[in-house]
């Protein structure tokens, strides 16, 4: 079995019902997280299920199209890739594809299981929810295994502030690289954004990825990426710390 598991966007076939389509991907890759490609046609809306703070965590990563997210108290425009995390079951929310959008609003829906670490942290200390943040609203950071002069890294969900979950994004044009590194506690997914094209490596495996593809790599795997001249890094990384962050509440 391959170390890198990949869901190809080219394999996703949307079957719209009442303007909405949902296609589960990477089923069985990791039993504590469920992923689905979703799409809303222009002018259509959905009001997803909500979960209590002891049930599940969930978030929505917007990748294509225009729309907006509304709660009884707030509203946010989706004009670029970004993330929305609801306030558990405290309030309902609605996702809408703008009627004037020239394409469906596409997003990835992620639902994760909660362990004892999550349940403790989410009650005692967490980021203020709901959280809506576009790529351009993230804060930048540098890492020593990247060429930070030509790679931009953005933080979208800060480590230790949403239980075991964190999320960010990387951008850069080739020739470029993200050097080999390892996360001993982090399960990691890459969600390729439109225009992405590069080679991803985990241990001895190499695969070429493009916009819309999703990869999963288990913790404890050396991994890195390279994009050639004319290619581009444009992806969201999403992480789940398997047993909770070391030195933190258990």
Protein backbone atom coordinates (compact mmCIF):
# COMPACT_ATOMS: atom_id res chain seq x y z
CA UNK A 1 0.00 0.00 0.00
CA UNK A 2 1.31 3.44 -0.92
CA UNK A 3 2.44 5.74 1.87
CA UNK A 4 0.84 8.72 0.11
CA UNK A 5 -2.88 8.39 -0.43
CA UNK A 6 -4.33 10.72 -3.04
CA UNK A 7 -7.82 11.70 -4.17
CA UNK A 8 -7.63 13.02 -7.73
CA UNK A 9 -9.88 15.93 -8.58
CA UNK A 10 -10.23 14.50 -12.08
CA UNK A 11 -12.11 11.55 -10.52
CA UNK A 12 -14.70 13.75 -8.78
CA UNK A 13 -18.08 13.60 -10.52
CA UNK A 14 -20.67 15.97 -9.07
CA UNK A 15 -24.27 14.74 -9.12
CA UNK A 16 -26.31 17.82 -8.26
CA UNK A 17 -29.59 17.49 -6.38
CA UNK A 18 -31.42 20.74 -5.66
CA UNK A 19 -28.25 22.58 -6.65
CA UNK A 20 -25.95 20.74 -4.22
CA UNK A 21 -23.45 17.89 -4.68
CA UNK A 22 -21.25 16.07 -2.18
CA UNK A 23 -18.57 13.48 -3.02
CA UNK A 24 -16.74 11.73 -0.12
CA UNK A 25 -13.01 11.22 -0.76
CA UNK A 26 -10.11 9.44 0.96
CA UNK A 27 -12.58 7.16 2.71
CA UNK A 28 -10.79 4.88 5.15
CA UNK A 29 -7.48 6.76 4.88
CA UNK A 30 -7.64 7.94 8.51
CA UNK A 31 -10.46 6.90 10.80
CA UNK A 32 -10.64 10.15 12.76
CA UNK A 33 -11.31 12.48 9.81
CA UNK A 34 -13.88 12.48 6.98
CA UNK A 35 -13.44 14.52 3.80
CA UNK A 36 -15.88 15.42 1.03
CA UNK A 37 -15.67 17.57 -2.09
CA UNK A 38 -18.82 19.73 -2.19
CA UNK A 39 -20.30 22.10 -4.76
CA UNK A 40 -23.22 24.54 -4.85
CA UNK A 41 -24.67 25.83 -8.09
CA UNK A 42 -25.26 29.60 -8.46
CA UNK A 43 -28.22 30.85 -6.45
CA UNK A 44 -28.42 27.76 -4.23
CA UNK A 45 -27.82 27.38 -0.49
CA UNK A 46 -27.33 24.69 2.14
CA UNK A 47 -27.66 24.74 5.92
CA UNK A 48 -25.34 21.96 7.13
CA UNK A 49 -25.75 19.86 10.25
CA UNK A 50 -24.15 21.19 13.42
CA UNK A 51 -22.41 19.24 16.19
CA UNK A 52 -21.90 19.80 19.90
CA UNK A 53 -18.51 20.58 21.39
CA UNK A 54 -18.32 16.95 22.59
CA UNK A 55 -19.36 15.39 19.24
CA UNK A 56 -17.31 16.50 16.25
CA UNK A 57 -15.19 19.36 14.97
CA UNK A 58 -15.95 20.51 11.42
CA UNK A 59 -14.66 23.08 8.97
CA UNK A 60 -15.18 24.16 5.38
CA UNK A 61 -12.31 25.05 3.03
CA UNK A 62 -13.50 27.14 0.06
CA UNK A 63 -11.51 26.54 -3.12
CA UNK A 64 -13.45 27.93 -6.13
CA UNK A 65 -16.30 30.25 -6.99
CA UNK A 66 -18.08 33.10 -5.21
CA UNK A 67 -20.59 33.02 -2.40
CA UNK A 68 -21.17 33.88 1.22
CA UNK A 69 -21.61 32.37 4.66
CA UNK A 70 -24.27 33.67 7.05
CA UNK A 71 -25.18 33.10 10.69
CA UNK A 72 -27.95 34.90 12.63
CA UNK A 73 -25.33 37.47 13.71
CA UNK A 74 -22.70 37.73 10.97
CA UNK A 75 -22.01 37.35 7.25
CA UNK A 76 -18.83 36.85 5.20
CA UNK A 77 -18.18 37.03 1.47
CA UNK A 78 -16.30 34.18 -0.19
CA UNK A 79 -14.20 35.83 -2.90
CA UNK A 80 -11.00 33.75 -2.63
CA UNK A 81 -9.92 30.48 -0.99
CA UNK A 82 -10.42 30.44 2.77
CA UNK A 83 -11.80 28.56 5.76
CA UNK A 84 -14.95 28.69 7.89
CA UNK A 85 -15.27 27.03 11.31
CA UNK A 86 -18.77 27.19 12.85
CA UNK A 87 -19.54 27.70 16.54
CA UNK A 88 -20.49 24.05 17.05
CA UNK A 89 -24.26 23.76 17.72
CA UNK A 90 -24.63 27.22 19.26
CA UNK A 91 -26.02 28.63 16.01
CA UNK A 92 -26.94 27.40 12.56
CA UNK A 93 -25.23 28.74 9.45
CA UNK A 94 -25.92 28.83 5.73
CA UNK A 95 -23.55 28.60 2.76
CA UNK A 96 -24.73 30.21 -0.49
CA UNK A 97 -23.31 30.38 -4.00
CA UNK A 98 -23.82 33.86 -5.40
CA UNK A 99 -26.48 34.05 -8.07
CA UNK A 100 -24.06 35.94 -10.35
CA UNK A 101 -21.21 33.44 -9.93
CA UNK A 102 -20.01 32.07 -13.26
CA UNK A 103 -19.23 28.68 -11.69
CA UNK A 104 -20.34 26.59 -8.70
CA UNK A 105 -19.01 27.42 -5.27
CA UNK A 106 -16.70 24.51 -4.43
CA UNK A 107 -15.46 23.62 -0.97
CA UNK A 108 -14.04 20.79 1.06
CA UNK A 109 -16.03 19.70 4.12
CA UNK A 110 -13.97 18.11 6.90
CA UNK A 111 -15.44 16.44 9.99
CA UNK A 112 -13.10 15.14 12.68
CA UNK A 113 -13.63 12.95 15.73
CA UNK A 114 -12.92 14.38 19.17
CA UNK A 115 -10.70 12.66 21.71
CA UNK A 116 -10.26 13.57 25.38
CA UNK A 117 -7.61 16.17 24.53
CA UNK A 118 -9.99 17.93 22.12
CA UNK A 119 -12.90 17.90 24.55
CA UNK A 120 -10.80 19.42 27.31
CA UNK A 121 -9.13 22.07 25.14
CA UNK A 122 -12.25 23.12 23.28
CA UNK A 123 -13.99 23.87 26.59
CA UNK A 124 -11.06 25.41 28.47
CA UNK A 125 -9.43 27.49 25.70
CA UNK A 126 -10.06 27.89 21.97
CA UNK A 127 -10.14 30.51 19.24
CA UNK A 128 -13.26 32.63 19.13
CA UNK A 129 -15.81 31.04 16.83
CA UNK A 130 -17.23 31.25 14.28
CA UNK A 131 -13.95 31.77 12.42
CA UNK A 132 -13.93 32.92 8.79
CA UNK A 133 -10.56 33.71 7.29
CA UNK A 134 -9.52 34.02 3.66
CA UNK A 135 -6.00 33.25 2.47
CA UNK A 136 -5.13 36.94 2.28
CA UNK A 137 -6.24 37.40 5.91
CA UNK A 138 -3.78 34.80 7.23
CA UNK A 139 -0.57 35.81 8.94
CA UNK A 140 2.75 34.93 7.31
CA UNK A 141 5.47 32.77 8.78
CA UNK A 142 8.88 31.38 7.72
CA UNK A 143 10.44 27.91 8.08
CA UNK A 144 14.06 26.88 7.70
CA UNK A 145 13.35 24.09 5.17
CA UNK A 146 11.86 26.53 2.62
CA UNK A 147 13.31 29.25 0.44
CA UNK A 148 11.31 31.95 2.18
CA UNK A 149 12.42 34.60 -0.33
CA UNK A 150 10.20 32.98 -2.99
CA UNK A 151 7.72 31.03 -0.87
CA UNK A 152 4.85 32.63 1.05
CA UNK A 153 3.41 30.67 3.98
CA UNK A 154 0.14 31.70 5.64
CA UNK A 155 -1.37 30.56 8.96
CA UNK A 156 -5.17 30.17 8.97
CA UNK A 157 -5.96 28.03 12.04
CA UNK A 158 -3.30 28.36 14.71
CA UNK A 159 -1.88 25.28 16.41
CA UNK A 160 -3.33 24.44 19.85
CA UNK A 161 -6.29 26.81 19.37
CA UNK A 162 -8.85 24.41 17.90
CA UNK A 163 -8.07 21.21 19.78
CA UNK A 164 -5.82 18.99 17.67
CA UNK A 165 -6.47 20.85 14.38
CA UNK A 166 -4.37 23.43 12.51
CA UNK A 167 -4.28 24.78 8.97
CA UNK A 168 -2.24 27.03 6.71
CA UNK A 169 -1.24 27.51 3.08
CA UNK A 170 1.88 27.71 0.91
CA UNK A 171 2.41 29.61 -2.34
CA UNK A 172 5.34 30.03 -4.71
CA UNK A 173 6.39 29.72 -8.35
CA UNK A 174 9.01 27.36 -9.74
CA UNK A 175 11.75 26.54 -9.76
CA UNK A 176 11.19 26.18 -6.03
CA UNK A 177 11.27 23.63 -3.23
CA UNK A 178 9.99 22.80 0.24
CA UNK A 179 12.70 20.70 1.85
CA UNK A 180 12.27 17.29 3.44
CA UNK A 181 10.98 17.47 7.02
CA UNK A 182 9.00 15.30 9.42
CA UNK A 183 6.05 15.68 11.81
CA UNK A 184 6.24 13.02 14.47
CA UNK A 185 2.73 13.67 15.82
CA UNK A 186 0.83 15.23 12.90
CA UNK A 187 -1.43 13.55 10.37
CA UNK A 188 -1.26 15.80 7.29
CA UNK A 189 -3.40 16.52 4.25
CA UNK A 190 -2.57 18.79 1.30
CA UNK A 191 -5.51 20.40 -0.53
CA UNK A 192 -4.31 21.68 -3.91
CA UNK A 193 -5.79 25.02 -4.96
CA UNK A 194 -6.55 26.04 -8.57
CA UNK A 195 -3.36 26.43 -10.61
CA UNK A 196 -1.24 24.16 -8.39
CA UNK A 197 1.24 21.87 -10.16
CA UNK A 198 4.22 20.29 -8.40
CA UNK A 199 5.82 17.04 -7.25
CA UNK A 200 5.19 15.84 -3.70
CA UNK A 201 7.51 13.33 -2.01
CA UNK A 202 7.02 11.23 1.14
CA UNK A 203 9.94 8.96 2.03
CA UNK A 204 10.75 7.22 -1.29
CA UNK A 205 7.40 7.91 -3.00
CA UNK A 206 6.87 10.73 -5.51
CA UNK A 207 3.60 11.86 -7.05
CA UNK A 208 2.69 14.82 -9.23
CA UNK A 209 -0.31 16.82 -8.01
CA UNK A 210 -2.56 19.45 -9.56
CA UNK A 211 -5.37 21.78 -8.53
CA UNK A 212 -8.18 20.01 -6.66
CA UNK A 213 -6.14 16.93 -5.71
CA UNK A 214 -5.94 15.98 -2.01
CA UNK A 215 -3.14 13.95 -0.43
CA UNK A 216 -2.94 12.26 2.96
CA UNK A 217 0.37 11.35 4.63
CA UNK A 218 0.53 9.71 8.08
CA UNK A 219 2.65 11.10 10.91
CA UNK A 220 6.29 10.15 11.13
CA UNK A 221 6.95 10.43 7.38
CA UNK A 222 9.71 12.57 5.87
CA UNK A 223 8.13 14.67 3.14
CA UNK A 224 8.78 17.66 0.90
CA UNK A 225 7.83 19.21 -2.44
CA UNK A 226 9.41 20.61 -5.58
CA UNK A 227 7.96 22.65 -8.42
CA UNK A 228 9.77 23.03 -11.73
CA UNK A 229 10.03 26.12 -13.88
CA UNK A 230 6.49 27.05 -14.98
CA UNK A 231 4.87 25.16 -12.09
CA UNK A 232 3.38 26.55 -8.90
CA UNK A 233 2.89 25.81 -5.22
CA UNK A 234 -0.69 26.68 -4.23
CA UNK A 235 -2.06 24.46 -1.53
CA UNK A 236 -3.65 24.36 1.90
CA UNK A 237 -2.11 22.08 4.51
CA UNK A 238 -4.43 20.66 7.15
CA UNK A 239 -3.10 18.84 10.21
CA UNK A 240 -4.48 16.74 13.05
CA UNK A 241 -2.17 16.09 16.00
CA UNK A 242 -2.76 12.41 16.65
CA UNK A 243 -2.82 12.38 20.47
CA UNK A 244 -2.69 16.08 21.31
CA UNK A 245 0.26 18.45 21.33
CA UNK A 246 3.19 17.35 23.53
CA UNK A 247 3.38 19.15 26.86
CA UNK A 248 -0.22 20.29 26.63
CA UNK A 249 -3.42 19.17 28.39
CA UNK A 250 -4.16 15.46 27.93
